[in-house]
Amino acid sequence: MGKTSSKVKARYNAKAYDEIKVRVYKGEKEKIKLYAQEHGESLNGFVNRAIYETMERCP
């Protein structure tokens, strides 16, 4: 992947997405990532689903 391609992707991501940084204790990221993969999800997809499901249950 060239520099131009990376810049284009970065520009698109900046326009299309907000970012949230989540901190977990050392070693927990891999546990969460493994859990998500075992359930057919990416780490990002799992976190997003967890957020939205919680928001639906607790308006």
C-alpha atoms as a PDB file:
ATOM      1  CA  MET A   1       0.000   0.000   0.000  1.00  0.00           C
ATOM      2  CA  GLY A   2       1.441   3.357  -1.019  1.00  0.00           C
ATOM      3  CA  LYS A   3       1.443   6.664   0.818  1.00  0.00           C
ATOM      4  CA  THR A   4      -1.354   8.039  -1.351  1.00  0.00           C
ATOM      5  CA  SER A   5      -3.612   5.111  -0.529  1.00  0.00           C
ATOM      6  CA  SER A   6      -2.938   5.514   3.206  1.00  0.00           C
ATOM      7  CA  LYS A   7      -3.665   9.237   3.049  1.00  0.00           C
ATOM      8  CA  VAL A   8      -6.916   8.653   1.166  1.00  0.00           C
ATOM      9  CA  LYS A   9      -8.044   6.066   3.728  1.00  0.00           C
ATOM     10  CA  ALA A  10      -7.073   8.314   6.630  1.00  0.00           C
ATOM     11  CA  ARG A  11      -8.984  11.238   5.111  1.00  0.00           C
ATOM     12  CA  TYR A  12     -12.073   9.069   4.574  1.00  0.00           C
ATOM     13  CA  ASN A  13     -11.910   7.670   8.116  1.00  0.00           C
ATOM     14  CA  ALA A  14     -11.598  11.180   9.549  1.00  0.00           C
ATOM     15  CA  LYS A  15     -14.752  12.260   7.677  1.00  0.00           C
ATOM     16  CA  ALA A  16     -16.805   9.113   8.273  1.00  0.00           C
ATOM     17  CA  TYR A  17     -15.983   8.049  11.828  1.00  0.00           C
ATOM     18  CA  ASP A  18     -15.565   9.348  15.349  1.00  0.00           C
ATOM     19  CA  GLU A  19     -13.016   7.554  17.502  1.00  0.00           C
ATOM     20  CA  ILE A  20     -13.339   6.464  21.122  1.00  0.00           C
ATOM     21  CA  LYS A  21     -10.294   5.245  23.011  1.00  0.00           C
ATOM     22  CA  VAL A  22     -11.001   2.477  25.517  1.00  0.00           C
ATOM     23  CA  ARG A  23      -8.458   1.450  28.136  1.00  0.00           C
ATOM     24  CA  VAL A  24      -8.389  -2.040  29.648  1.00  0.00           C
ATOM     25  CA  TYR A  25      -5.914  -3.711  31.965  1.00  0.00           C
ATOM     26  CA  LYS A  26      -2.881  -5.419  30.423  1.00  0.00           C
ATOM     27  CA  GLY A  27      -3.836  -8.751  28.891  1.00  0.00           C
ATOM     28  CA  GLU A  28      -7.555  -7.990  28.750  1.00  0.00           C
ATOM     29  CA  LYS A  29      -7.481  -6.808  25.136  1.00  0.00           C
ATOM     30  CA  GLU A  30      -6.396 -10.232  23.923  1.00  0.00           C
ATOM     31  CA  LYS A  31      -9.071 -11.955  26.031  1.00  0.00           C
ATOM     32  CA  ILE A  32     -11.769  -9.685  24.614  1.00  0.00           C
ATOM     33  CA  LYS A  33     -10.439 -10.072  21.067  1.00  0.00           C
ATOM     34  CA  LEU A  34     -10.400 -13.872  21.398  1.00  0.00           C
ATOM     35  CA  TYR A  35     -13.949 -13.883  22.772  1.00  0.00           C
ATOM     36  CA  ALA A  36     -15.145 -11.761  19.856  1.00  0.00           C
ATOM     37  CA  GLN A  37     -13.404 -14.000  17.309  1.00  0.00           C
ATOM     38  CA  GLU A  38     -14.898 -17.122  18.901  1.00  0.00           C
ATOM     39  CA  HIS A  39     -18.320 -15.539  18.372  1.00  0.00           C
ATOM     40  CA  GLY A  40     -17.650 -14.521  14.773  1.00  0.00           C
ATOM     41  CA  GLU A  41     -17.028 -10.827  15.398  1.00  0.00           C
ATOM     42  CA  SER A  42     -14.163  -8.412  15.123  1.00  0.00           C
ATOM     43  CA  LEU A  43     -13.033  -6.625  18.271  1.00  0.00           C
ATOM     44  CA  ASN A  44     -14.498  -3.370  16.977  1.00  0.00           C
ATOM     45  CA  GLY A  45     -17.775  -5.044  15.990  1.00  0.00           C
ATOM     46  CA  PHE A  46     -18.077  -6.665  19.416  1.00  0.00           C
ATOM     47  CA  VAL A  47     -17.461  -3.406  21.261  1.00  0.00           C
ATOM     48  CA  ASN A  48     -19.963  -1.537  19.084  1.00  0.00           C
ATOM     49  CA  ARG A  49     -22.618  -4.229  19.548  1.00  0.00           C
ATOM     50  CA  ALA A  50     -22.062  -4.263  23.318  1.00  0.00           C
ATOM     51  CA  ILE A  51     -22.498  -0.495  23.460  1.00  0.00           C
ATOM     52  CA  TYR A  52     -25.665  -0.395  21.351  1.00  0.00           C
ATOM     53  CA  GLU A  53     -27.282  -3.395  23.068  1.00  0.00           C
ATOM     54  CA  THR A  54     -26.646  -1.796  26.454  1.00  0.00           C
ATOM     55  CA  MET A  55     -28.079   1.519  25.263  1.00  0.00           C
ATOM     56  CA  GLU A  56     -31.241  -0.257  24.063  1.00  0.00           C
ATOM     57  CA  ARG A  57     -31.707  -2.041  27.390  1.00  0.00           C
ATOM     58  CA  CYS A  58     -31.027   1.010  29.547  1.00  0.00           C
ATOM     59  CA  PRO A  59     -32.484   4.082  27.811  1.00  0.00           C
END
